[in-house]
């Protein structure tokens, strides 16, 4: 490179010297000029070559830099993908480890299934086939338990049929031989006046599963009968079999529940639904109300009238669930009437505005709004909580109770993510702080559903935890009952509709028949 610069410099200087030293009077003027031009042209050509060389070198350096950047990006992508694959492998290993732990925990259940069905049983083969097809362990266990229950029901049905044939044969022998008439079985100890097909069916079901039992008492509620049985057994696995056999004996479907629960030591209570024509319904009675109270009259139970108090620590906020025709709308009307008669402010959002047409003339203070305005009312109640939070107890006693009814909750949840987050936060705060500020919320649902990606308008867990009083009317599935009720959630499928409900909160756990509220009492 230095030699090229020397040639260019030498040629340029020589041409310049010839051009400056040329004399027009001299005969060498023209050759000197020509030589100067030639040297200058040569220097220009060499300079152009040198410029091109520098351009090529710069271009080569740019290509090398770009190549290095590309290699660095590819290496970074490779490292990122390697880290992602490593994380996926670690998660897969953890998932496999959890599956193995779960399999170890559920091994006794599979052993029990094997002992019942045999090592070559149909249930065992079904479970193995599902595992080979890649089904999760939870689905396998669920399918196995359902298949086992179906087998148990088929066996119990066959045993009931065989026992019935045996009893018929014994009755024929007794009628033929008078000597054995003195023997009185335990099952027929009750008199014919107090016997019923339901009682006889339950006693036969107990006999089939090998339980010695006796019906102690029958309590008649407006929508069901409660039969109290004495049970003495050391095999507690016979109780679920007794329930399954009772459902077969009474003709209760698989999707419906037959409530069984412990009533007292060595006593079991069974709630058997009444026929529609045998049920009793009560109109809303006339009450003497006291201004400032926050009582809600629900209906009648076996223990008398059921009343909840929003001023109580156990029942400050309510969560109500029930399908169409279950009595949920009737409850909202009667609850609004009770609170308005005691001087509370009631705002109804969601549901059908036509359900409260007759309230406007009697109670001008009530507000009835469509679902779109629920967001505004929740914000107003939230601000009222902030205002009352700084008051003293003496000042709070002078404040008017506020009660917000949100019927058909899913339809009131905003679709916009930011507004939905604000709606959830404010409503949860009203439920949490309102219990001590005379501010209450009553939320109604047709069916319970958790908040998730599939259902962004479902019930958030924080809101459900801040609604401690739960009222359940009839639901189409047991999932809604288990999400709403704290105990015996599957019992919602045994409710008869039209006001037949369960209320739970703290120690409160009662089944009741709601009062009919077709017209406002005079």
Protein backbone atom coordinates (compact mmCIF):
# COMPACT_ATOMS: atom_id res chain seq x y z
CA UNK A 1 0.00 0.00 0.00
CA UNK A 2 2.92 2.39 0.74
CA UNK A 3 4.50 1.63 -2.67
CA UNK A 4 1.28 2.66 -4.42
CA UNK A 5 1.25 5.98 -2.56
CA UNK A 6 4.94 6.52 -3.53
CA UNK A 7 4.21 5.93 -7.24
CA UNK A 8 1.27 8.33 -7.15
CA UNK A 9 3.30 10.98 -5.33
CA UNK A 10 6.32 10.61 -7.67
CA UNK A 11 4.21 10.77 -10.84
CA UNK A 12 2.30 13.79 -9.61
CA UNK A 13 5.40 15.72 -8.57
CA UNK A 14 7.18 14.90 -11.85
CA UNK A 15 4.21 16.10 -13.90
CA UNK A 16 3.98 19.27 -11.81
CA UNK A 17 7.71 20.02 -12.23
CA UNK A 18 7.51 19.51 -16.03
CA UNK A 19 4.43 21.73 -16.26
CA UNK A 20 6.00 24.56 -14.27
CA UNK A 21 9.44 24.40 -15.90
CA UNK A 22 8.22 24.28 -19.53
CA UNK A 23 9.19 27.36 -21.66
CA UNK A 24 7.06 28.24 -24.65
CA UNK A 25 10.11 29.48 -26.50
CA UNK A 26 11.90 26.22 -26.04
CA UNK A 27 11.54 23.46 -28.55
CA UNK A 28 10.77 20.95 -25.76
CA UNK A 29 7.65 22.79 -24.61
CA UNK A 30 5.18 20.47 -26.27
CA UNK A 31 6.90 17.18 -25.26
CA UNK A 32 7.21 18.46 -21.70
CA UNK A 33 3.51 19.25 -21.51
CA UNK A 34 2.62 15.90 -22.97
CA UNK A 35 4.85 14.15 -20.43
CA UNK A 36 3.26 16.17 -17.60
CA UNK A 37 -0.23 15.19 -18.80
CA UNK A 38 0.81 11.54 -19.04
CA UNK A 39 2.30 11.51 -15.57
CA UNK A 40 -0.77 13.28 -14.15
CA UNK A 41 -3.07 10.73 -15.86
CA UNK A 42 -1.02 7.89 -14.48
CA UNK A 43 -1.21 9.36 -10.98
CA UNK A 44 -5.00 9.74 -11.35
CA UNK A 45 -5.41 6.14 -12.52
CA UNK A 46 -3.36 4.85 -9.61
CA UNK A 47 -5.31 7.02 -7.18
CA UNK A 48 -8.57 5.60 -8.55
CA UNK A 49 -7.26 2.06 -8.10
CA UNK A 50 -6.25 2.88 -4.55
CA UNK A 51 -9.72 4.33 -3.81
CA UNK A 52 -11.35 1.17 -5.16
CA UNK A 53 -9.04 -0.93 -3.02
CA UNK A 54 -10.05 1.03 0.07
CA UNK A 55 -13.75 0.65 -0.83
CA UNK A 56 -13.35 -3.11 -1.23
CA UNK A 57 -11.56 -3.31 2.09
CA UNK A 58 -14.28 -1.26 3.85
CA UNK A 59 -16.97 -3.40 2.24
CA UNK A 60 -15.19 -6.52 3.43
CA UNK A 61 -15.01 -5.15 6.97
CA UNK A 62 -18.76 -4.32 6.91
CA UNK A 63 -19.54 -7.86 5.70
CA UNK A 64 -17.42 -9.34 8.49
CA UNK A 65 -19.14 -7.14 11.10
CA UNK A 66 -22.60 -8.11 9.79
CA UNK A 67 -21.57 -11.76 9.81
CA UNK A 68 -20.43 -11.44 13.43
CA UNK A 69 -23.74 -9.81 14.42
CA UNK A 70 -25.71 -12.56 12.67
CA UNK A 71 -23.67 -15.24 14.37
CA UNK A 72 -24.20 -13.54 17.76
CA UNK A 73 -27.98 -13.37 17.16
CA UNK A 74 -28.09 -17.00 16.11
CA UNK A 75 -26.06 -18.01 19.13
CA UNK A 76 -28.41 -16.02 21.39
CA UNK A 77 -31.45 -17.65 19.81
CA UNK A 78 -29.83 -21.05 20.19
CA UNK A 79 -29.07 -20.39 23.85
CA UNK A 80 -32.64 -19.15 24.44
CA UNK A 81 -34.17 -22.20 22.74
CA UNK A 82 -31.82 -24.44 24.71
CA UNK A 83 -32.90 -22.80 27.97
CA UNK A 84 -36.57 -23.14 26.97
CA UNK A 85 -36.10 -26.83 26.12
CA UNK A 86 -34.31 -27.36 29.43
CA UNK A 87 -37.18 -25.69 31.29
CA UNK A 88 -39.72 -27.82 29.44
CA UNK A 89 -37.77 -30.96 30.26
CA UNK A 90 -37.61 -29.95 33.93
CA UNK A 91 -41.38 -29.28 34.00
CA UNK A 92 -41.99 -32.62 32.31
CA UNK A 93 -39.82 -34.34 34.93
CA UNK A 94 -41.70 -32.56 37.73
CA UNK A 95 -45.04 -33.49 36.17
CA UNK A 96 -43.92 -37.10 35.90
CA UNK A 97 -42.78 -37.01 39.51
CA UNK A 98 -46.16 -35.59 40.60
CA UNK A 99 -47.96 -38.25 38.60
CA UNK A 100 -45.86 -40.94 40.25
CA UNK A 101 -46.55 -39.51 43.72
CA UNK A 102 -50.26 -39.33 42.92
CA UNK A 103 -50.15 -42.88 41.65
CA UNK A 104 -48.48 -43.99 44.89
CA UNK A 105 -51.15 -42.19 46.92
CA UNK A 106 -53.99 -43.75 44.93
CA UNK A 107 -52.48 -47.22 44.87
CA UNK A 108 -54.75 -48.41 47.74
CA UNK A 109 -57.79 -47.35 45.73
CA UNK A 110 -56.62 -49.39 42.76
CA UNK A 111 -55.98 -52.33 45.05
CA UNK A 112 -59.53 -52.01 46.33
CA UNK A 113 -60.83 -51.89 42.77
CA UNK A 114 -58.86 -55.02 41.96
CA UNK A 115 -60.24 -56.85 44.99
CA UNK A 116 -63.78 -55.94 43.97
CA UNK A 117 -63.57 -56.55 40.24
CA UNK A 118 -60.84 -59.20 40.12
CA UNK A 119 -57.55 -59.01 38.29
CA UNK A 120 -59.30 -59.75 35.00
CA UNK A 121 -62.39 -57.62 35.71
CA UNK A 122 -63.97 -55.26 33.20
CA UNK A 123 -63.24 -52.20 35.33
CA UNK A 124 -59.55 -53.11 35.56
CA UNK A 125 -59.28 -53.60 31.83
CA UNK A 126 -61.05 -50.28 31.21
CA UNK A 127 -58.66 -48.44 33.54
CA UNK A 128 -55.59 -50.01 31.91
CA UNK A 129 -56.91 -49.12 28.46
CA UNK A 130 -57.47 -45.51 29.43
CA UNK A 131 -53.94 -45.25 30.88
CA UNK A 132 -52.46 -46.69 27.68
CA UNK A 133 -54.40 -44.14 25.61
CA UNK A 134 -52.80 -41.31 27.56
CA UNK A 135 -55.74 -40.33 29.77
CA UNK A 136 -54.93 -38.42 32.95
CA UNK A 137 -55.04 -40.20 36.28
CA UNK A 138 -57.97 -38.11 37.47
CA UNK A 139 -60.12 -39.13 34.47
CA UNK A 140 -59.16 -42.77 35.00
CA UNK A 141 -60.15 -42.64 38.67
CA UNK A 142 -63.43 -40.89 37.86
CA UNK A 143 -64.36 -43.41 35.17
CA UNK A 144 -63.34 -46.30 37.43
CA UNK A 145 -65.46 -45.06 40.31
CA UNK A 146 -68.48 -44.54 38.03
CA UNK A 147 -68.08 -48.02 36.56
CA UNK A 148 -67.72 -49.50 40.03
CA UNK A 149 -70.85 -47.69 41.19
CA UNK A 150 -72.79 -49.03 38.20
CA UNK A 151 -71.59 -52.56 39.00
CA UNK A 152 -72.55 -52.11 42.66
CA UNK A 153 -76.00 -50.85 41.67
CA UNK A 154 -76.49 -53.80 39.34
CA UNK A 155 -75.42 -56.21 42.11
CA UNK A 156 -77.67 -54.51 44.66
CA UNK A 157 -80.60 -54.61 42.25
CA UNK A 158 -80.02 -58.32 41.70
CA UNK A 159 -79.75 -58.90 45.47
CA UNK A 160 -82.95 -56.94 46.09
CA UNK A 161 -84.73 -59.05 43.51
CA UNK A 162 -83.40 -62.26 45.09
CA UNK A 163 -84.37 -61.10 48.59
CA UNK A 164 -87.85 -60.20 47.39
CA UNK A 165 -88.23 -63.67 45.91
CA UNK A 166 -86.96 -65.18 49.19
CA UNK A 167 -89.39 -63.08 51.25
CA UNK A 168 -92.27 -64.11 49.02
CA UNK A 169 -91.29 -67.75 49.45
CA UNK A 170 -91.11 -67.29 53.26
CA UNK A 171 -94.55 -65.65 53.32
CA UNK A 172 -95.96 -68.56 51.37
CA UNK A 173 -94.40 -71.01 53.86
CA UNK A 174 -95.78 -69.01 56.81
CA UNK A 175 -99.27 -68.99 55.36
CA UNK A 176 -99.06 -72.77 54.84
CA UNK A 177 -97.69 -73.60 58.35
CA UNK A 178 -99.42 -71.87 61.34
CA UNK A 179 -96.63 -72.92 63.72
CA UNK A 180 -94.22 -70.25 62.53
CA UNK A 181 -96.65 -67.33 62.66
CA UNK A 182 -95.32 -66.45 66.15
CA UNK A 183 -92.00 -65.20 64.71
CA UNK A 184 -92.22 -61.41 64.19
CA UNK A 185 -89.49 -59.92 61.94
CA UNK A 186 -87.90 -56.59 62.90
CA UNK A 187 -88.91 -55.04 59.58
CA UNK A 188 -92.66 -55.41 60.21
CA UNK A 189 -92.49 -54.14 63.78
CA UNK A 190 -94.12 -50.84 62.81
CA UNK A 191 -97.87 -50.75 62.63
CA UNK A 192 -99.71 -50.58 59.33
CA UNK A 193 -101.04 -47.12 60.19
CA UNK A 194 -97.55 -45.62 60.28
CA UNK A 195 -96.03 -47.71 57.49
CA UNK A 196 -95.41 -46.19 54.05
CA UNK A 197 -93.85 -47.36 50.79
CA UNK A 198 -90.89 -45.03 51.36
CA UNK A 199 -90.18 -46.42 54.81
CA UNK A 200 -90.57 -50.01 53.64
CA UNK A 201 -88.27 -49.38 50.68
CA UNK A 202 -85.55 -47.90 52.89
CA UNK A 203 -85.80 -50.78 55.38
CA UNK A 204 -85.55 -53.32 52.55
CA UNK A 205 -82.50 -51.49 51.18
CA UNK A 206 -80.87 -51.67 54.63
CA UNK A 207 -81.64 -55.39 54.82
CA UNK A 208 -80.03 -55.99 51.43
CA UNK A 209 -76.72 -54.42 52.48
CA UNK A 210 -76.77 -56.22 55.84
CA UNK A 211 -77.69 -53.32 58.15
CA UNK A 212 -79.89 -53.76 61.20
CA UNK A 213 -82.02 -50.65 61.31
CA UNK A 214 -85.35 -49.36 62.52
CA UNK A 215 -87.30 -46.22 61.64
CA UNK A 216 -87.53 -44.12 64.79
CA UNK A 217 -89.46 -41.10 63.53
CA UNK A 218 -90.86 -39.47 60.41
CA UNK A 219 -90.88 -35.67 60.23
CA UNK A 220 -92.94 -34.06 57.50
CA UNK A 221 -91.66 -30.79 56.01
CA UNK A 222 -93.45 -28.72 53.36
CA UNK A 223 -91.46 -30.28 50.50
CA UNK A 224 -89.96 -33.49 51.90
CA UNK A 225 -90.11 -36.14 54.61
CA UNK A 226 -87.24 -36.71 57.00
CA UNK A 227 -86.95 -40.31 58.16
CA UNK A 228 -84.75 -40.99 61.20
CA UNK A 229 -83.19 -44.48 61.33
CA UNK A 230 -81.15 -46.18 64.00
CA UNK A 231 -77.99 -47.74 62.57
CA UNK A 232 -75.48 -49.92 64.38
CA UNK A 233 -72.59 -51.19 62.31
CA UNK A 234 -68.84 -51.60 62.46
CA UNK A 235 -68.45 -51.58 58.67
CA UNK A 236 -68.77 -47.92 57.67
CA UNK A 237 -68.45 -48.86 54.00
CA UNK A 238 -71.97 -50.22 54.23
CA UNK A 239 -73.41 -46.69 54.62
CA UNK A 240 -72.65 -45.65 50.98
CA UNK A 241 -74.03 -49.01 49.87
CA UNK A 242 -77.15 -48.32 51.92
CA UNK A 243 -77.53 -44.97 50.14
CA UNK A 244 -77.07 -46.55 46.69
CA UNK A 245 -79.59 -49.29 47.50
CA UNK A 246 -82.04 -46.67 48.85
CA UNK A 247 -81.85 -44.70 45.60
CA UNK A 248 -82.69 -47.86 43.69
CA UNK A 249 -85.53 -48.74 46.04
CA UNK A 250 -87.07 -45.24 45.83
CA UNK A 251 -86.44 -44.75 42.10
CA UNK A 252 -84.10 -41.75 42.49
CA UNK A 253 -82.11 -41.06 39.31
CA UNK A 254 -78.32 -41.04 39.05
CA UNK A 255 -78.19 -37.28 38.49
CA UNK A 256 -80.26 -36.56 41.60
CA UNK A 257 -79.09 -36.81 45.18
CA UNK A 258 -80.80 -38.51 48.12
CA UNK A 259 -79.64 -36.56 51.22
CA UNK A 260 -78.10 -38.85 53.87
CA UNK A 261 -76.50 -37.31 56.95
CA UNK A 262 -75.73 -38.04 60.60
CA UNK A 263 -78.64 -36.90 62.77
CA UNK A 264 -77.44 -38.13 66.18
CA UNK A 265 -75.14 -40.85 67.57
CA UNK A 266 -76.04 -44.11 65.78
CA UNK A 267 -78.82 -42.33 63.88
CA UNK A 268 -79.09 -41.41 60.20
CA UNK A 269 -81.53 -38.95 58.61
CA UNK A 270 -82.84 -39.49 55.08
CA UNK A 271 -84.69 -36.71 53.26
CA UNK A 272 -87.20 -38.12 50.77
CA UNK A 273 -88.93 -35.63 48.43
CA UNK A 274 -92.70 -35.35 48.42
CA UNK A 275 -94.84 -35.61 45.32
CA UNK A 276 -95.86 -32.26 43.81
CA UNK A 277 -99.47 -32.71 44.89
CA UNK A 278 -98.40 -33.44 48.49
CA UNK A 279 -96.27 -30.31 48.95
CA UNK A 280 -97.41 -27.35 51.04
CA UNK A 281 -96.94 -23.74 50.06
CA UNK A 282 -97.33 -20.67 52.27
CA UNK A 283 -98.11 -17.08 51.30
CA UNK A 284 -95.94 -14.36 52.76
CA UNK A 285 -97.41 -13.53 56.18
CA UNK A 286 -98.07 -10.11 57.68
CA UNK A 287 -95.20 -9.03 59.97
CA UNK A 288 -94.63 -6.27 62.47
CA UNK A 289 -91.50 -4.50 61.29
CA UNK A 290 -89.12 -2.36 63.32
CA UNK A 291 -87.46 0.61 61.64
CA UNK A 292 -83.69 0.19 61.41
CA UNK A 293 -83.63 -3.62 61.51
CA UNK A 294 -82.24 -5.66 58.61
CA UNK A 295 -84.22 -8.91 58.79
CA UNK A 296 -85.09 -11.10 55.80
CA UNK A 297 -87.90 -13.64 56.25
CA UNK A 298 -87.20 -16.73 54.14
CA UNK A 299 -89.95 -19.29 54.85
CA UNK A 300 -90.85 -22.37 56.86
CA UNK A 301 -88.67 -25.30 57.94
CA UNK A 302 -89.08 -28.26 60.27
CA UNK A 303 -87.99 -26.01 63.14
CA UNK A 304 -90.37 -23.16 62.32
CA UNK A 305 -89.90 -19.85 60.51
CA UNK A 306 -86.45 -19.13 59.05
CA UNK A 307 -85.20 -15.54 59.38
CA UNK A 308 -81.72 -14.17 58.65
CA UNK A 309 -80.35 -10.89 59.99
CA UNK A 310 -77.96 -8.84 57.83
CA UNK A 311 -76.70 -7.19 61.02
CA UNK A 312 -75.31 -10.54 62.21
CA UNK A 313 -71.65 -11.38 61.68
CA UNK A 314 -72.62 -14.69 60.03
CA UNK A 315 -75.08 -13.29 57.47
CA UNK A 316 -73.99 -9.78 56.36
CA UNK A 317 -73.66 -10.56 52.63
CA UNK A 318 -75.64 -13.10 50.60
CA UNK A 319 -74.89 -15.35 47.64
CA UNK A 320 -77.95 -16.94 46.03
CA UNK A 321 -77.95 -19.61 43.30
CA UNK A 322 -80.85 -21.27 41.52
CA UNK A 323 -81.94 -22.25 38.05
CA UNK A 324 -85.06 -21.04 36.25
CA UNK A 325 -88.21 -21.86 38.20
CA UNK A 326 -86.34 -22.62 41.42
CA UNK A 327 -87.68 -19.64 43.38
CA UNK A 328 -84.68 -17.27 43.18
CA UNK A 329 -86.64 -14.34 41.74
CA UNK A 330 -89.37 -14.87 44.36
CA UNK A 331 -86.68 -14.64 47.07
CA UNK A 332 -85.32 -11.37 45.66
CA UNK A 333 -88.81 -9.83 45.69
CA UNK A 334 -89.55 -10.89 49.25
CA UNK A 335 -86.09 -9.80 50.48
CA UNK A 336 -86.51 -6.36 48.88
CA UNK A 337 -89.92 -6.00 50.56
CA UNK A 338 -88.54 -6.98 53.99
CA UNK A 339 -85.68 -4.47 53.83
CA UNK A 340 -87.79 -1.63 52.43
CA UNK A 341 -90.36 -2.08 55.21
CA UNK A 342 -87.51 -1.58 57.72
CA UNK A 343 -86.31 1.67 56.12
CA UNK A 344 -83.33 0.43 54.11
CA UNK A 345 -82.22 1.78 50.76
CA UNK A 346 -82.56 -0.95 48.12
CA UNK A 347 -81.04 -0.79 44.62
CA UNK A 348 -81.89 -3.61 42.22
CA UNK A 349 -79.49 -4.25 39.31
CA UNK A 350 -79.83 -6.98 36.70
CA UNK A 351 -82.62 -9.49 36.37
CA UNK A 352 -86.03 -8.44 35.09
CA UNK A 353 -87.18 -4.93 35.96
CA UNK A 354 -90.77 -6.10 35.43
CA UNK A 355 -90.49 -8.24 38.59
CA UNK A 356 -90.61 -5.02 40.64
CA UNK A 357 -93.30 -3.07 38.80
CA UNK A 358 -95.65 -3.15 41.80
CA UNK A 359 -92.91 -1.82 44.13
CA UNK A 360 -92.71 1.66 42.59
CA UNK A 361 -96.07 2.89 43.93
CA UNK A 362 -95.57 1.46 47.42
CA UNK A 363 -91.83 2.20 47.76
CA UNK A 364 -90.80 5.22 45.64
CA UNK A 365 -87.23 5.04 47.02
CA UNK A 366 -86.42 1.73 45.31
CA UNK A 367 -84.33 1.94 42.14
CA UNK A 368 -84.64 -0.68 39.40
CA UNK A 369 -81.84 -0.71 36.83
CA UNK A 370 -80.69 -2.83 33.94
CA UNK A 371 -77.42 -4.72 33.93
CA UNK A 372 -75.45 -1.94 32.24
CA UNK A 373 -75.73 0.40 35.24
CA UNK A 374 -74.41 -2.07 37.80
CA UNK A 375 -70.84 -0.78 37.38
CA UNK A 376 -71.95 2.73 38.38
CA UNK A 377 -73.86 1.52 41.45
CA UNK A 378 -70.92 -0.62 42.62
CA UNK A 379 -68.71 2.47 42.39
CA UNK A 380 -71.24 4.50 44.38
CA UNK A 381 -71.40 1.85 47.11
CA UNK A 382 -67.58 1.70 47.16
CA UNK A 383 -67.38 5.47 47.71
CA UNK A 384 -70.01 5.24 50.46
CA UNK A 385 -67.85 2.62 52.20
CA UNK A 386 -64.93 5.07 52.12
CA UNK A 387 -67.14 7.81 53.54
CA UNK A 388 -68.55 5.69 56.36
CA UNK A 389 -65.19 4.15 57.18
CA UNK A 390 -64.13 7.35 58.96
CA UNK A 391 -67.29 7.58 61.09
CA UNK A 392 -67.66 6.68 64.75
CA UNK A 393 -69.99 3.95 65.99
CA UNK A 394 -72.48 6.54 67.18
CA UNK A 395 -72.53 8.14 63.73
CA UNK A 396 -72.88 4.75 62.00
CA UNK A 397 -75.98 3.89 64.02
CA UNK A 398 -77.70 6.94 62.48
CA UNK A 399 -76.90 5.90 58.91
CA UNK A 400 -79.48 4.30 56.64
CA UNK A 401 -78.70 0.68 55.62
CA UNK A 402 -77.81 0.31 51.94
CA UNK A 403 -78.51 -2.98 50.17
CA UNK A 404 -77.42 -3.67 46.57
CA UNK A 405 -79.22 -6.52 44.75
CA UNK A 406 -77.24 -7.92 41.79
CA UNK A 407 -79.38 -10.52 40.04
CA UNK A 408 -77.90 -12.51 37.12
CA UNK A 409 -74.35 -11.55 38.16
CA UNK A 410 -72.65 -12.86 35.01
CA UNK A 411 -74.58 -10.41 32.85
CA UNK A 412 -73.38 -7.44 34.93
CA UNK A 413 -69.62 -8.13 34.63
CA UNK A 414 -67.98 -5.71 32.12
CA UNK A 415 -66.31 -7.25 29.10
CA UNK A 416 -63.50 -4.69 29.07
CA UNK A 417 -60.59 -6.10 31.08
CA UNK A 418 -59.72 -2.84 32.88
CA UNK A 419 -63.35 -2.11 33.84
CA UNK A 420 -63.82 -5.73 34.91
CA UNK A 421 -60.78 -5.52 37.20
CA UNK A 422 -62.10 -2.30 38.77
CA UNK A 423 -65.58 -3.85 39.11
CA UNK A 424 -64.20 -6.92 40.90
CA UNK A 425 -61.97 -4.92 43.26
CA UNK A 426 -64.70 -2.48 44.26
CA UNK A 427 -67.36 -5.16 44.73
CA UNK A 428 -65.00 -7.30 46.83
CA UNK A 429 -64.17 -4.28 49.00
CA UNK A 430 -67.87 -3.51 49.48
CA UNK A 431 -68.45 -7.11 50.54
CA UNK A 432 -65.45 -7.14 52.88
CA UNK A 433 -65.87 -3.75 54.58
CA UNK A 434 -69.60 -3.26 54.23
CA UNK A 435 -70.55 -5.74 56.95
CA UNK A 436 -69.57 -3.25 59.67
CA UNK A 437 -70.80 -0.16 57.80
CA UNK A 438 -74.46 -1.15 57.27
CA UNK A 439 -73.77 -1.73 53.56
CA UNK A 440 -74.79 -5.11 52.16
CA UNK A 441 -74.68 -7.00 48.86
CA UNK A 442 -76.96 -9.78 47.60
CA UNK A 443 -75.57 -11.56 44.51
CA UNK A 444 -77.69 -13.96 42.44
CA UNK A 445 -76.54 -16.64 39.97
CA UNK A 446 -78.28 -19.24 37.83
CA UNK A 447 -75.34 -21.59 38.12
CA UNK A 448 -71.97 -21.28 39.83
CA UNK A 449 -68.91 -21.01 37.59
CA UNK A 450 -65.34 -20.08 38.51
CA UNK A 451 -63.59 -17.12 36.93
CA UNK A 452 -61.12 -18.28 34.26
CA UNK A 453 -59.99 -17.81 30.68
CA UNK A 454 -62.90 -19.89 29.42
CA UNK A 455 -65.41 -17.91 31.51
CA UNK A 456 -64.13 -14.36 32.22
CA UNK A 457 -67.55 -13.41 33.65
CA UNK A 458 -67.59 -16.17 36.26
CA UNK A 459 -67.61 -15.65 40.01
CA UNK A 460 -64.13 -14.67 41.34
CA UNK A 461 -62.98 -16.57 44.45
CA UNK A 462 -62.34 -13.35 46.44
CA UNK A 463 -65.93 -12.22 45.99
CA UNK A 464 -67.31 -15.64 46.92
CA UNK A 465 -65.25 -15.65 50.14
CA UNK A 466 -66.70 -12.25 51.11
CA UNK A 467 -70.31 -13.50 50.76
CA UNK A 468 -70.56 -15.79 53.83
CA UNK A 469 -74.31 -16.47 53.78
CA UNK A 470 -75.22 -18.94 51.02
CA UNK A 471 -78.75 -19.73 49.81
CA UNK A 472 -79.18 -22.49 47.23
CA UNK A 473 -82.33 -23.37 45.35
CA UNK A 474 -82.59 -26.18 42.82
CA UNK A 475 -79.62 -26.48 40.41
CA UNK A 476 -79.16 -28.65 37.35
CA UNK A 477 -75.87 -30.14 38.57
CA UNK A 478 -74.08 -30.80 41.84
CA UNK A 479 -71.07 -28.64 40.84
CA UNK A 480 -73.01 -25.44 41.52
CA UNK A 481 -73.99 -26.73 44.96
CA UNK A 482 -70.44 -27.68 45.89
CA UNK A 483 -69.16 -24.23 44.86
CA UNK A 484 -71.88 -22.36 46.78
CA UNK A 485 -72.72 -24.43 49.84
CA UNK A 486 -70.16 -25.24 52.50
CA UNK A 487 -71.62 -28.66 53.35
CA UNK A 488 -73.64 -31.25 51.39
CA UNK A 489 -73.38 -29.32 48.13
CA UNK A 490 -74.73 -32.22 46.08
CA UNK A 491 -78.08 -31.85 47.90
CA UNK A 492 -79.07 -29.04 45.48
CA UNK A 493 -80.05 -31.70 42.93
CA UNK A 494 -82.59 -33.14 45.39
CA UNK A 495 -84.43 -29.82 45.85
CA UNK A 496 -87.88 -29.72 44.30
CA UNK A 497 -87.91 -26.16 42.97
CA UNK A 498 -90.60 -23.51 43.53
CA UNK A 499 -88.99 -22.20 46.70
CA UNK A 500 -87.44 -25.38 48.10
CA UNK A 501 -84.02 -24.17 49.30
CA UNK A 502 -81.09 -24.54 51.69
CA UNK A 503 -79.51 -21.72 53.70
CA UNK A 504 -76.04 -22.08 55.24
CA UNK A 505 -73.84 -19.67 57.15
CA UNK A 506 -71.61 -20.47 60.10
CA UNK A 507 -73.61 -22.85 62.29
CA UNK A 508 -76.81 -22.18 60.34
CA UNK A 509 -77.80 -25.08 58.07
CA UNK A 510 -81.50 -25.43 57.30
CA UNK A 511 -83.69 -26.59 54.47
CA UNK A 512 -86.76 -24.40 54.05
CA UNK A 513 -89.77 -23.76 51.87
CA UNK A 514 -89.78 -20.08 50.83
CA UNK A 515 -92.91 -18.01 51.23
CA UNK A 516 -94.74 -17.21 48.02
CA UNK A 517 -94.54 -13.51 47.29
CA UNK A 518 -96.95 -12.87 44.46
CA UNK A 519 -98.39 -9.62 45.81
CA UNK A 520 -97.18 -7.04 48.29
CA UNK A 521 -98.94 -7.67 51.62
CA UNK A 522 -101.39 -4.95 52.63
